[in-house]
C-alpha atoms as a PDB file:
ATOM      1  CA  MET A   1      -0.089  -0.084  -0.081  1.00  0.00           C
ATOM      2  CA  PHE A   2       1.199   3.490   0.796  1.00  0.00           C
ATOM      3  CA  THR A   3       4.275   3.977   3.207  1.00  0.00           C
ATOM      4  CA  LYS A   4       5.331   6.740   5.128  1.00  0.00           C
ATOM      5  CA  VAL A   5       8.324   7.228   2.999  1.00  0.00           C
ATOM      6  CA  ALA A   6       5.923   7.863  -0.049  1.00  0.00           C
ATOM      7  CA  ILE A   7       3.901  10.555   2.003  1.00  0.00           C
ATOM      8  CA  VAL A   8       7.037  12.426   3.133  1.00  0.00           C
ATOM      9  CA  ARG A   9       8.330  12.210  -0.441  1.00  0.00           C
ATOM     10  CA  LYS A  10       5.112  13.963  -1.613  1.00  0.00           C
ATOM     11  CA  ILE A  11       5.286  16.590   1.009  1.00  0.00           C
ATOM     12  CA  ILE A  12       9.023  17.320   0.350  1.00  0.00           C
ATOM     13  CA  SER A  13       7.926  17.445  -3.426  1.00  0.00           C
ATOM     14  CA  SER A  14       5.175  19.822  -2.494  1.00  0.00           C
ATOM     15  CA  ILE A  15       7.600  22.330  -0.701  1.00  0.00           C
ATOM     16  CA  ILE A  16      10.151  22.222  -3.403  1.00  0.00           C
ATOM     17  CA  MET A  17       7.587  22.774  -5.926  1.00  0.00           C
ATOM     18  CA  SER A  18       6.162  25.555  -3.876  1.00  0.00           C
ATOM     19  CA  LEU A  19       9.660  27.282  -3.743  1.00  0.00           C
ATOM     20  CA  PHE A  20      10.063  27.064  -7.366  1.00  0.00           C
ATOM     21  CA  LEU A  21       6.531  28.196  -8.285  1.00  0.00           C
ATOM     22  CA  SER A  22       6.785  31.002  -5.879  1.00  0.00           C
ATOM     23  CA  LEU A  23      10.235  32.136  -7.449  1.00  0.00           C
ATOM     24  CA  VAL A  24       8.758  31.906 -10.978  1.00  0.00           C
ATOM     25  CA  LEU A  25       5.439  33.865 -10.076  1.00  0.00           C
ATOM     26  CA  LEU A  26       7.879  36.506  -8.287  1.00  0.00           C
ATOM     27  CA  LEU A  27       9.923  36.910 -11.467  1.00  0.00           C
ATOM     28  CA  ILE A  28       6.927  36.861 -13.883  1.00  0.00           C
ATOM     29  CA  HIS A  29       4.204  38.808 -12.164  1.00  0.00           C
ATOM     30  CA  GLY A  30       5.753  40.141  -8.961  1.00  0.00           C
ATOM     31  CA  TYR A  31       2.470  41.531  -7.614  1.00  0.00           C
ATOM     32  CA  THR A  32       3.521  40.546  -3.955  1.00  0.00           C
ATOM     33  CA  SER A  33       6.669  39.409  -2.173  1.00  0.00           C
ATOM     34  CA  PHE A  34       8.067  35.706  -2.302  1.00  0.00           C
ATOM     35  CA  PHE A  35       7.034  34.882   0.966  1.00  0.00           C
ATOM     36  CA  VAL A  36       3.156  35.424   0.237  1.00  0.00           C
ATOM     37  CA  TYR A  37       3.510  33.464  -2.946  1.00  0.00           C
ATOM     38  CA  PHE A  38       5.233  30.562  -1.135  1.00  0.00           C
ATOM     39  CA  ILE A  39       2.541  30.663   1.710  1.00  0.00           C
ATOM     40  CA  TYR A  40      -0.297  30.274  -0.888  1.00  0.00           C
ATOM     41  CA  ALA A  41       1.597  27.722  -2.969  1.00  0.00           C
ATOM     42  CA  ALA A  42       2.658  25.644  -0.075  1.00  0.00           C
ATOM     43  CA  ILE A  43      -0.940  25.762   1.517  1.00  0.00           C
ATOM     44  CA  GLY A  44      -2.565  24.753  -1.606  1.00  0.00           C
ATOM     45  CA  SER A  45      -0.157  22.028  -2.576  1.00  0.00           C
ATOM     46  CA  LEU A  46      -0.259  20.664   0.648  1.00  0.00           C
ATOM     47  CA  ILE A  47      -3.959  20.568   1.200  1.00  0.00           C
ATOM     48  CA  ILE A  48      -4.901  19.944  -2.370  1.00  0.00           C
ATOM     49  CA  GLY A  49      -2.038  18.655  -4.410  1.00  0.00           C
ATOM     50  CA  VAL A  50      -0.556  16.080  -2.109  1.00  0.00           C
ATOM     51  CA  PRO A  51      -3.856  14.160  -1.724  1.00  0.00           C
ATOM     52  CA  PHE A  52      -4.604  14.206  -5.154  1.00  0.00           C
ATOM     53  CA  SER A  53      -0.988  13.001  -6.046  1.00  0.00           C
ATOM     54  CA  ILE A  54      -1.511  10.170  -3.519  1.00  0.00           C
ATOM     55  CA  VAL A  55      -4.778   9.172  -5.345  1.00  0.00           C
ATOM     56  CA  THR A  56      -2.891   9.253  -8.530  1.00  0.00           C
ATOM     57  CA  ASP A  57      -0.208   7.002  -7.018  1.00  0.00           C
ATOM     58  CA  LEU A  58      -3.070   4.793  -5.901  1.00  0.00           C
ATOM     59  CA  ILE A  59      -4.675   4.653  -9.191  1.00  0.00           C
ATOM     60  CA  LEU A  60      -1.264   3.688 -11.142  1.00  0.00           C
ATOM     61  CA  SER A  61      -0.191   1.401  -8.214  1.00  0.00           C
ATOM     62  CA  LYS A  62      -0.535  -1.674 -10.466  1.00  0.00           C
ATOM     63  CA  LYS A  63       1.719  -0.340 -13.289  1.00  0.00           C
ATOM     64  CA  LYS A  64       5.377  -0.568 -13.553  1.00  0.00           C
ATOM     65  CA  MET A  65       7.694   2.543 -13.770  1.00  0.00           C
ATOM     66  CA  SER A  66       7.664   3.225 -17.452  1.00  0.00           C
ATOM     67  CA  ILE A  67       7.080   6.003 -19.865  1.00  0.00           C
ATOM     68  CA  SER A  68       3.384   5.046 -19.939  1.00  0.00           C
ATOM     69  CA  TYR A  69       3.246   5.375 -16.241  1.00  0.00           C
ATOM     70  CA  LEU A  70       4.959   8.745 -16.106  1.00  0.00           C
ATOM     71  CA  LEU A  71       2.605  10.056 -18.943  1.00  0.00           C
ATOM     72  CA  MET A  72      -0.472   8.715 -17.224  1.00  0.00           C
ATOM     73  CA  GLY A  73       0.738  10.193 -13.915  1.00  0.00           C
ATOM     74  CA  LEU A  74       1.212  13.729 -15.567  1.00  0.00           C
ATOM     75  CA  ILE A  75      -2.200  13.487 -17.412  1.00  0.00           C
ATOM     76  CA  LEU A  76      -4.117  12.427 -14.002  1.00  0.00           C
ATOM     77  CA  HIS A  77      -2.311  15.450 -12.253  1.00  0.00           C
ATOM     78  CA  LEU A  78      -3.524  17.842 -14.830  1.00  0.00           C
ATOM     79  CA  VAL A  79      -6.935  16.434 -14.871  1.00  0.00           C
ATOM     80  CA  PHE A  80      -7.150  16.931 -11.064  1.00  0.00           C
ATOM     81  CA  ALA A  81      -5.680  20.498 -11.758  1.00  0.00           C
ATOM     82  CA  GLY A  82      -8.383  21.054 -14.126  1.00  0.00           C
ATOM     83  CA  ILE A  83     -11.046  20.153 -11.702  1.00  0.00           C
ATOM     84  CA  ILE A  84      -9.582  22.533  -9.250  1.00  0.00           C
ATOM     85  CA  VAL A  85      -9.573  25.377 -11.680  1.00  0.00           C
ATOM     86  CA  ILE A  86     -13.130  24.813 -12.754  1.00  0.00           C
ATOM     87  CA  LEU A  87     -14.216  24.712  -9.052  1.00  0.00           C
ATOM     88  CA  PHE A  88     -12.101  28.047  -8.596  1.00  0.00           C
ATOM     89  CA  ILE A  89     -14.011  29.679 -11.615  1.00  0.00           C
ATOM     90  CA  PHE A  90     -17.517  28.798 -10.433  1.00  0.00           C
ATOM     91  CA  VAL A  91     -16.497  30.021  -6.905  1.00  0.00           C
ATOM     92  CA  GLU A  92     -14.446  33.261  -7.614  1.00  0.00           C
ATOM     93  CA  SER A  93     -16.172  36.033  -9.099  1.00  0.00           C
ATOM     94  CA  ASP A  94     -13.259  38.395  -9.159  1.00  0.00           C
ATOM     95  CA  ASP A  95     -11.708  38.795 -12.531  1.00  0.00           C
ATOM     96  CA  VAL A  96      -8.421  40.490 -11.347  1.00  0.00           C
ATOM     97  CA  TYR A  97      -6.000  37.448 -11.548  1.00  0.00           C
ATOM     98  CA  PRO A  98      -7.594  34.690 -13.038  1.00  0.00           C
ATOM     99  CA  ASN A  99      -4.718  33.809 -15.694  1.00  0.00           C
ATOM    100  CA  VAL A 100      -2.299  33.743 -12.770  1.00  0.00           C
ATOM    101  CA  LEU A 101      -4.473  31.540 -10.981  1.00  0.00           C
ATOM    102  CA  VAL A 102      -4.937  29.101 -13.698  1.00  0.00           C
ATOM    103  CA  ASN A 103      -1.514  29.054 -14.741  1.00  0.00           C
ATOM    104  CA  SER A 104      -0.379  28.424 -11.211  1.00  0.00           C
ATOM    105  CA  VAL A 105      -2.642  25.495 -10.601  1.00  0.00           C
ATOM    106  CA  PHE A 106      -1.586  23.827 -13.674  1.00  0.00           C
ATOM    107  CA  GLY A 107       2.163  24.699 -13.074  1.00  0.00           C
ATOM    108  CA  ALA A 108       1.894  23.531  -9.574  1.00  0.00           C
ATOM    109  CA  ALA A 109       0.258  20.216 -10.772  1.00  0.00           C
ATOM    110  CA  ALA A 110       2.891  19.690 -13.295  1.00  0.00           C
ATOM    111  CA  GLY A 111       5.698  20.713 -11.015  1.00  0.00           C
ATOM    112  CA  LEU A 112       4.525  18.448  -8.232  1.00  0.00           C
ATOM    113  CA  TRP A 113       4.226  15.563 -10.728  1.00  0.00           C
ATOM    114  CA  LEU A 114       7.736  16.226 -12.125  1.00  0.00           C
ATOM    115  CA  VAL A 115       9.530  16.799  -8.450  1.00  0.00           C
ATOM    116  CA  ASP A 116       7.790  13.682  -7.253  1.00  0.00           C
ATOM    117  CA  SER A 117       8.864  11.684 -10.241  1.00  0.00           C
ATOM    118  CA  ILE A 118      12.493  12.590  -9.818  1.00  0.00           C
ATOM    119  CA  LEU A 119      12.437  11.831  -6.206  1.00  0.00           C
ATOM    120  CA  LYS A 120      10.774   8.562  -6.805  1.00  0.00           C
ATOM    121  CA  GLY A 121      13.387   7.814  -9.354  1.00  0.00           C
ATOM    122  CA  ILE A 122      16.310   8.647  -6.945  1.00  0.00           C
ATOM    123  CA  HIS A 123      14.842   6.453  -4.448  1.00  0.00           C
ATOM    124  CA  ILE A 124      14.265   3.448  -6.771  1.00  0.00           C
ATOM    125  CA  ARG A 125      17.926   3.599  -8.037  1.00  0.00           C
ATOM    126  CA  ARG A 126      19.293   3.404  -4.394  1.00  0.00           C
END
């Protein structure tokens, strides 16, 4: 099933992705400070991203690590990101930062998948 190592790897992946996403948002948009971007990214990825990433791993648990496994993992992460974006669009009525939000959610999903896949690959090789 799912081990503590896998959950800790997901949390570490989430924090690394949040750092990177915050830096990108600061450099591209610069609406606020790095710390504010990081807090929002970390909270969102820990509360939403990590559970969806765990669900993705559970869905793909019968598959071996291969290119198709990686592609299906990315697709599932992006599908879950799409669900979150649709929910945000229905709830959020403010049109000030919609592109930043949409791009951030999809970037966070792809980033979480990428960092987690790299850390998973490092763990498998050991």
